[in-house]
Amino acid sequence: MTQKQWRDLLLLVNNEDFYQLIQMYAKERIEILRNQLEMTKGDDNFSLVQGKLLEARLLLLLRETVIQNAK
């Protein structure tokens, strides 16, 4: 991403209402994926769900990532 794109994202993560909604979504998604991981059979599906879980967890760090990259 470009520096301008990171700076544009600051508007999203610095708005408390929007950021709380992102956090709520990420936490709910993580819970759904954890349950799915527990019921997953087969290595291919297991890896796929793990990747989705990692991506959802990264949303919890979105604000810190954006601030760091917008500098």
PDB file of N, CA and C in Angstrom:
ATOM      1  N   MET A   1       0.845  -1.179   0.000  1.00  0.00           N
ATOM      2  CA  MET A   1       0.000   0.000   0.000  1.00  0.00           C
ATOM      3  C   MET A   1       0.887   1.237   0.000  1.00  0.00           C
ATOM      4  N   THR A   2       0.341   2.293  -0.522  1.00  0.00           N
ATOM      5  CA  THR A   2       1.098   3.538  -0.559  1.00  0.00           C
ATOM      6  C   THR A   2       0.926   4.308   0.753  1.00  0.00           C
ATOM      7  N   GLN A   3       1.801   5.254   0.952  1.00  0.00           N
ATOM      8  CA  GLN A   3       1.744   6.105   2.148  1.00  0.00           C
ATOM      9  C   GLN A   3       0.398   6.827   2.228  1.00  0.00           C
ATOM     10  N   LYS A   4      -0.098   7.298   1.077  1.00  0.00           N
ATOM     11  CA  LYS A   4      -1.380   8.004   1.057  1.00  0.00           C
ATOM     12  C   LYS A   4      -2.523   7.070   1.464  1.00  0.00           C
ATOM     13  N   GLN A   5      -2.495   5.838   0.997  1.00  0.00           N
ATOM     14  CA  GLN A   5      -3.545   4.891   1.372  1.00  0.00           C
ATOM     15  C   GLN A   5      -3.540   4.630   2.870  1.00  0.00           C
ATOM     16  N   TRP A   6      -2.355   4.467   3.452  1.00  0.00           N
ATOM     17  CA  TRP A   6      -2.271   4.267   4.912  1.00  0.00           C
ATOM     18  C   TRP A   6      -2.825   5.481   5.639  1.00  0.00           C
ATOM     19  N   ARG A   7      -2.488   6.682   5.151  1.00  0.00           N
ATOM     20  CA  ARG A   7      -2.984   7.902   5.806  1.00  0.00           C
ATOM     21  C   ARG A   7      -4.490   8.039   5.663  1.00  0.00           C
ATOM     22  N   ASP A   8      -5.030   7.621   4.521  1.00  0.00           N
ATOM     23  CA  ASP A   8      -6.476   7.658   4.339  1.00  0.00           C
ATOM     24  C   ASP A   8      -7.175   6.720   5.331  1.00  0.00           C
ATOM     25  N   LEU A   9      -6.541   5.604   5.631  1.00  0.00           N
ATOM     26  CA  LEU A   9      -7.115   4.659   6.594  1.00  0.00           C
ATOM     27  C   LEU A   9      -7.122   5.200   8.017  1.00  0.00           C
ATOM     28  N   LEU A  10      -6.293   6.198   8.283  1.00  0.00           N
ATOM     29  CA  LEU A  10      -6.294   6.810   9.620  1.00  0.00           C
ATOM     30  C   LEU A  10      -7.679   7.349   9.977  1.00  0.00           C
ATOM     31  N   LEU A  11      -8.396   7.849   8.975  1.00  0.00           N
ATOM     32  CA  LEU A  11      -9.749   8.356   9.219  1.00  0.00           C
ATOM     33  C   LEU A  11     -10.657   7.260   9.769  1.00  0.00           C
ATOM     34  N   LEU A  12     -10.483   6.066   9.289  1.00  0.00           N
ATOM     35  CA  LEU A  12     -11.294   4.938   9.735  1.00  0.00           C
ATOM     36  C   LEU A  12     -10.925   4.499  11.150  1.00  0.00           C
ATOM     37  N   VAL A  13      -9.641   4.304  11.394  1.00  0.00           N
ATOM     38  CA  VAL A  13      -9.238   3.747  12.694  1.00  0.00           C
ATOM     39  C   VAL A  13      -9.232   4.780  13.810  1.00  0.00           C
ATOM     40  N   ASN A  14      -9.199   6.062  13.462  1.00  0.00           N
ATOM     41  CA  ASN A  14      -9.226   7.089  14.495  1.00  0.00           C
ATOM     42  C   ASN A  14     -10.647   7.502  14.873  1.00  0.00           C
ATOM     43  N   ASN A  15     -11.637   7.047  14.117  1.00  0.00           N
ATOM     44  CA  ASN A  15     -13.028   7.289  14.466  1.00  0.00           C
ATOM     45  C   ASN A  15     -13.446   6.185  15.439  1.00  0.00           C
ATOM     46  N   GLU A  16     -13.688   6.551  16.672  1.00  0.00           N
ATOM     47  CA  GLU A  16     -13.956   5.575  17.732  1.00  0.00           C
ATOM     48  C   GLU A  16     -15.163   4.686  17.425  1.00  0.00           C
ATOM     49  N   ASP A  17     -16.229   5.279  16.886  1.00  0.00           N
ATOM     50  CA  ASP A  17     -17.424   4.491  16.579  1.00  0.00           C
ATOM     51  C   ASP A  17     -17.153   3.438  15.506  1.00  0.00           C
ATOM     52  N   PHE A  18     -16.500   3.850  14.429  1.00  0.00           N
ATOM     53  CA  PHE A  18     -16.180   2.908  13.359  1.00  0.00           C
ATOM     54  C   PHE A  18     -15.228   1.827  13.843  1.00  0.00           C
ATOM     55  N   TYR A  19     -14.227   2.247  14.595  1.00  0.00           N
ATOM     56  CA  TYR A  19     -13.222   1.277  15.030  1.00  0.00           C
ATOM     57  C   TYR A  19     -13.819   0.255  15.998  1.00  0.00           C
ATOM     58  N   GLN A  20     -14.742   0.685  16.842  1.00  0.00           N
ATOM     59  CA  GLN A  20     -15.403  -0.266  17.745  1.00  0.00           C
ATOM     60  C   GLN A  20     -16.214  -1.288  16.955  1.00  0.00           C
ATOM     61  N   LEU A  21     -16.840  -0.849  15.865  1.00  0.00           N
ATOM     62  CA  LEU A  21     -17.588  -1.783  15.020  1.00  0.00           C
ATOM     63  C   LEU A  21     -16.656  -2.797  14.351  1.00  0.00           C
ATOM     64  N   ILE A  22     -15.496  -2.337  13.917  1.00  0.00           N
ATOM     65  CA  ILE A  22     -14.509  -3.238  13.320  1.00  0.00           C
ATOM     66  C   ILE A  22     -14.048  -4.261  14.355  1.00  0.00           C
ATOM     67  N   GLN A  23     -13.789  -3.802  15.558  1.00  0.00           N
ATOM     68  CA  GLN A  23     -13.344  -4.687  16.633  1.00  0.00           C
ATOM     69  C   GLN A  23     -14.424  -5.718  16.980  1.00  0.00           C
ATOM     70  N   MET A  24     -15.671  -5.273  17.037  1.00  0.00           N
ATOM     71  CA  MET A  24     -16.774  -6.177  17.334  1.00  0.00           C
ATOM     72  C   MET A  24     -16.879  -7.244  16.242  1.00  0.00           C
ATOM     73  N   TYR A  25     -16.798  -6.827  14.989  1.00  0.00           N
ATOM     74  CA  TYR A  25     -16.858  -7.772  13.881  1.00  0.00           C
ATOM     75  C   TYR A  25     -15.724  -8.789  13.967  1.00  0.00           C
ATOM     76  N   ALA A  26     -14.513  -8.313  14.210  1.00  0.00           N
ATOM     77  CA  ALA A  26     -13.346  -9.200  14.273  1.00  0.00           C
ATOM     78  C   ALA A  26     -13.507 -10.230  15.386  1.00  0.00           C
ATOM     79  N   LYS A  27     -13.964  -9.802  16.550  1.00  0.00           N
ATOM     80  CA  LYS A  27     -14.130 -10.729  17.671  1.00  0.00           C
ATOM     81  C   LYS A  27     -15.195 -11.780  17.380  1.00  0.00           C
ATOM     82  N   GLU A  28     -16.304 -11.367  16.777  1.00  0.00           N
ATOM     83  CA  GLU A  28     -17.354 -12.316  16.421  1.00  0.00           C
ATOM     84  C   GLU A  28     -16.861 -13.297  15.365  1.00  0.00           C
ATOM     85  N   ARG A  29     -16.132 -12.777  14.386  1.00  0.00           N
ATOM     86  CA  ARG A  29     -15.603 -13.629  13.311  1.00  0.00           C
ATOM     87  C   ARG A  29     -14.605 -14.647  13.872  1.00  0.00           C
ATOM     88  N   ILE A  30     -13.773 -14.219  14.793  1.00  0.00           N
ATOM     89  CA  ILE A  30     -12.803 -15.119  15.421  1.00  0.00           C
ATOM     90  C   ILE A  30     -13.524 -16.242  16.152  1.00  0.00           C
ATOM     91  N   GLU A  31     -14.572 -15.906  16.858  1.00  0.00           N
ATOM     92  CA  GLU A  31     -15.331 -16.931  17.594  1.00  0.00           C
ATOM     93  C   GLU A  31     -15.962 -17.940  16.634  1.00  0.00           C
ATOM     94  N   ILE A  32     -16.535 -17.455  15.553  1.00  0.00           N
ATOM     95  CA  ILE A  32     -17.133 -18.345  14.547  1.00  0.00           C
ATOM     96  C   ILE A  32     -16.064 -19.260  13.955  1.00  0.00           C
ATOM     97  N   LEU A  33     -14.908 -18.684  13.623  1.00  0.00           N
ATOM     98  CA  LEU A  33     -13.838 -19.474  13.010  1.00  0.00           C
ATOM     99  C   LEU A  33     -13.230 -20.474  13.991  1.00  0.00           C
ATOM    100  N   ARG A  34     -13.152 -20.128  15.259  1.00  0.00           N
ATOM    101  CA  ARG A  34     -12.670 -21.081  16.267  1.00  0.00           C
ATOM    102  C   ARG A  34     -13.589 -22.296  16.340  1.00  0.00           C
ATOM    103  N   ASN A  35     -14.886 -22.030  16.350  1.00  0.00           N
ATOM    104  CA  ASN A  35     -15.854 -23.130  16.372  1.00  0.00           C
ATOM    105  C   ASN A  35     -15.735 -23.976  15.115  1.00  0.00           C
ATOM    106  N   GLN A  36     -15.557 -23.320  13.992  1.00  0.00           N
ATOM    107  CA  GLN A  36     -15.409 -24.039  12.728  1.00  0.00           C
ATOM    108  C   GLN A  36     -14.132 -24.873  12.735  1.00  0.00           C
ATOM    109  N   LEU A  37     -13.071 -24.334  13.308  1.00  0.00           N
ATOM    110  CA  LEU A  37     -11.788 -25.042  13.376  1.00  0.00           C
ATOM    111  C   LEU A  37     -11.920 -26.321  14.199  1.00  0.00           C
ATOM    112  N   GLU A  38     -12.681 -26.244  15.282  1.00  0.00           N
ATOM    113  CA  GLU A  38     -12.882 -27.414  16.133  1.00  0.00           C
ATOM    114  C   GLU A  38     -13.626 -28.534  15.404  1.00  0.00           C
ATOM    115  N   MET A  39     -14.465 -28.176  14.447  1.00  0.00           N
ATOM    116  CA  MET A  39     -15.267 -29.175  13.741  1.00  0.00           C
ATOM    117  C   MET A  39     -14.673 -29.565  12.383  1.00  0.00           C
ATOM    118  N   THR A  40     -13.565 -28.938  12.008  1.00  0.00           N
ATOM    119  CA  THR A  40     -12.972 -29.176  10.694  1.00  0.00           C
ATOM    120  C   THR A  40     -12.290 -30.529  10.628  1.00  0.00           C
ATOM    121  N   LYS A  41     -12.513 -31.185   9.507  1.00  0.00           N
ATOM    122  CA  LYS A  41     -11.857 -32.466   9.251  1.00  0.00           C
ATOM    123  C   LYS A  41     -11.063 -32.326   7.961  1.00  0.00           C
ATOM    124  N   GLY A  42      -9.869 -32.869   7.959  1.00  0.00           N
ATOM    125  CA  GLY A  42      -9.029 -32.801   6.769  1.00  0.00           C
ATOM    126  C   GLY A  42      -8.025 -31.670   6.860  1.00  0.00           C
ATOM    127  N   ASP A  43      -6.804 -31.958   6.456  1.00  0.00           N
ATOM    128  CA  ASP A  43      -5.722 -30.980   6.570  1.00  0.00           C
ATOM    129  C   ASP A  43      -5.941 -29.743   5.713  1.00  0.00           C
ATOM    130  N   ASP A  44      -6.506 -29.919   4.508  1.00  0.00           N
ATOM    131  CA  ASP A  44      -6.711 -28.769   3.626  1.00  0.00           C
ATOM    132  C   ASP A  44      -7.666 -27.765   4.229  1.00  0.00           C
ATOM    133  N   ASN A  45      -8.790 -28.246   4.734  1.00  0.00           N
ATOM    134  CA  ASN A  45      -9.771 -27.358   5.346  1.00  0.00           C
ATOM    135  C   ASN A  45      -9.225 -26.736   6.625  1.00  0.00           C
ATOM    136  N   PHE A  46      -8.448 -27.488   7.372  1.00  0.00           N
ATOM    137  CA  PHE A  46      -7.867 -26.996   8.612  1.00  0.00           C
ATOM    138  C   PHE A  46      -6.960 -25.798   8.325  1.00  0.00           C
ATOM    139  N   SER A  47      -6.113 -25.917   7.317  1.00  0.00           N
ATOM    140  CA  SER A  47      -5.206 -24.825   6.954  1.00  0.00           C
ATOM    141  C   SER A  47      -5.975 -23.605   6.460  1.00  0.00           C
ATOM    142  N   LEU A  48      -7.036 -23.841   5.711  1.00  0.00           N
ATOM    143  CA  LEU A  48      -7.850 -22.742   5.198  1.00  0.00           C
ATOM    144  C   LEU A  48      -8.488 -21.955   6.344  1.00  0.00           C
ATOM    145  N   VAL A  49      -9.052 -22.661   7.310  1.00  0.00           N
ATOM    146  CA  VAL A  49      -9.693 -22.000   8.450  1.00  0.00           C
ATOM    147  C   VAL A  49      -8.643 -21.285   9.301  1.00  0.00           C
ATOM    148  N   GLN A  50      -7.468 -21.880   9.451  1.00  0.00           N
ATOM    149  CA  GLN A  50      -6.393 -21.221  10.210  1.00  0.00           C
ATOM    150  C   GLN A  50      -6.007 -19.897   9.557  1.00  0.00           C
ATOM    151  N   GLY A  51      -5.935 -19.881   8.228  1.00  0.00           N
ATOM    152  CA  GLY A  51      -5.609 -18.651   7.507  1.00  0.00           C
ATOM    153  C   GLY A  51      -6.665 -17.583   7.703  1.00  0.00           C
ATOM    154  N   LYS A  52      -7.920 -17.980   7.669  1.00  0.00           N
ATOM    155  CA  LYS A  52      -9.015 -17.038   7.902  1.00  0.00           C
ATOM    156  C   LYS A  52      -8.963 -16.499   9.329  1.00  0.00           C
ATOM    157  N   LEU A  53      -8.628 -17.357  10.265  1.00  0.00           N
ATOM    158  CA  LEU A  53      -8.529 -16.961  11.666  1.00  0.00           C
ATOM    159  C   LEU A  53      -7.408 -15.941  11.863  1.00  0.00           C
ATOM    160  N   LEU A  54      -6.283 -16.176  11.223  1.00  0.00           N
ATOM    161  CA  LEU A  54      -5.165 -15.232  11.308  1.00  0.00           C
ATOM    162  C   LEU A  54      -5.554 -13.877  10.739  1.00  0.00           C
ATOM    163  N   GLU A  55      -6.238 -13.883   9.610  1.00  0.00           N
ATOM    164  CA  GLU A  55      -6.655 -12.619   8.998  1.00  0.00           C
ATOM    165  C   GLU A  55      -7.634 -11.864   9.900  1.00  0.00           C
ATOM    166  N   ALA A  56      -8.545 -12.575  10.535  1.00  0.00           N
ATOM    167  CA  ALA A  56      -9.491 -11.937  11.454  1.00  0.00           C
ATOM    168  C   ALA A  56      -8.759 -11.349  12.659  1.00  0.00           C
ATOM    169  N   ARG A  57      -7.754 -12.064  13.144  1.00  0.00           N
ATOM    170  CA  ARG A  57      -6.970 -11.546  14.280  1.00  0.00           C
ATOM    171  C   ARG A  57      -6.204 -10.288  13.901  1.00  0.00           C
ATOM    172  N   LEU A  58      -5.776 -10.205  12.651  1.00  0.00           N
ATOM    173  CA  LEU A  58      -5.061  -9.011  12.201  1.00  0.00           C
ATOM    174  C   LEU A  58      -5.953  -7.772  12.238  1.00  0.00           C
ATOM    175  N   LEU A  59      -7.257  -7.964  12.089  1.00  0.00           N
ATOM    176  CA  LEU A  59      -8.181  -6.833  12.199  1.00  0.00           C
ATOM    177  C   LEU A  59      -8.127  -6.219  13.594  1.00  0.00           C
ATOM    178  N   LEU A  60      -7.862  -7.054  14.609  1.00  0.00           N
ATOM    179  CA  LEU A  60      -7.755  -6.526  15.971  1.00  0.00           C
ATOM    180  C   LEU A  60      -6.553  -5.596  16.115  1.00  0.00           C
ATOM    181  N   LEU A  61      -5.578  -5.741  15.236  1.00  0.00           N
ATOM    182  CA  LEU A  61      -4.371  -4.907  15.269  1.00  0.00           C
ATOM    183  C   LEU A  61      -4.374  -3.833  14.192  1.00  0.00           C
ATOM    184  N   LEU A  62      -5.520  -3.636  13.551  1.00  0.00           N
ATOM    185  CA  LEU A  62      -5.591  -2.723  12.420  1.00  0.00           C
ATOM    186  C   LEU A  62      -5.135  -1.310  12.767  1.00  0.00           C
ATOM    187  N   ARG A  63      -5.604  -0.796  13.876  1.00  0.00           N
ATOM    188  CA  ARG A  63      -5.254   0.585  14.245  1.00  0.00           C
ATOM    189  C   ARG A  63      -3.749   0.745  14.399  1.00  0.00           C
ATOM    190  N   GLU A  64      -3.119  -0.159  15.110  1.00  0.00           N
ATOM    191  CA  GLU A  64      -1.682  -0.075  15.322  1.00  0.00           C
ATOM    192  C   GLU A  64      -0.917  -0.200  14.007  1.00  0.00           C
ATOM    193  N   THR A  65      -1.384  -1.090  13.127  1.00  0.00           N
ATOM    194  CA  THR A  65      -0.736  -1.292  11.827  1.00  0.00           C
ATOM    195  C   THR A  65      -0.846  -0.036  10.975  1.00  0.00           C
ATOM    196  N   VAL A  66      -2.026   0.555  10.940  1.00  0.00           N
ATOM    197  CA  VAL A  66      -2.231   1.750  10.134  1.00  0.00           C
ATOM    198  C   VAL A  66      -1.381   2.901  10.657  1.00  0.00           C
ATOM    199  N   ILE A  67      -1.390   3.111  11.951  1.00  0.00           N
ATOM    200  CA  ILE A  67      -0.613   4.211  12.536  1.00  0.00           C
ATOM    201  C   ILE A  67       0.866   4.033  12.241  1.00  0.00           C
ATOM    202  N   GLN A  68       1.360   2.818  12.389  1.00  0.00           N
ATOM    203  CA  GLN A  68       2.781   2.540  12.148  1.00  0.00           C
ATOM    204  C   GLN A  68       3.151   2.785  10.679  1.00  0.00           C
ATOM    205  N   ASN A  69       2.308   2.370   9.767  1.00  0.00           N
ATOM    206  CA  ASN A  69       2.622   2.503   8.346  1.00  0.00           C
ATOM    207  C   ASN A  69       2.309   3.888   7.768  1.00  0.00           C
ATOM    208  N   ALA A  70       1.530   4.678   8.476  1.00  0.00           N
ATOM    209  CA  ALA A  70       1.192   6.011   7.994  1.00  0.00           C
ATOM    210  C   ALA A  70       2.274   7.035   8.321  1.00  0.00           C
ATOM    211  N   LYS A  71       3.257   6.641   9.126  1.00  0.00           N
ATOM    212  CA  LYS A  71       4.326   7.577   9.513  1.00  0.00           C
ATOM    213  C   LYS A  71       5.203   7.916   8.354  1.00  0.00           C
TER     214      LYS A  71
END
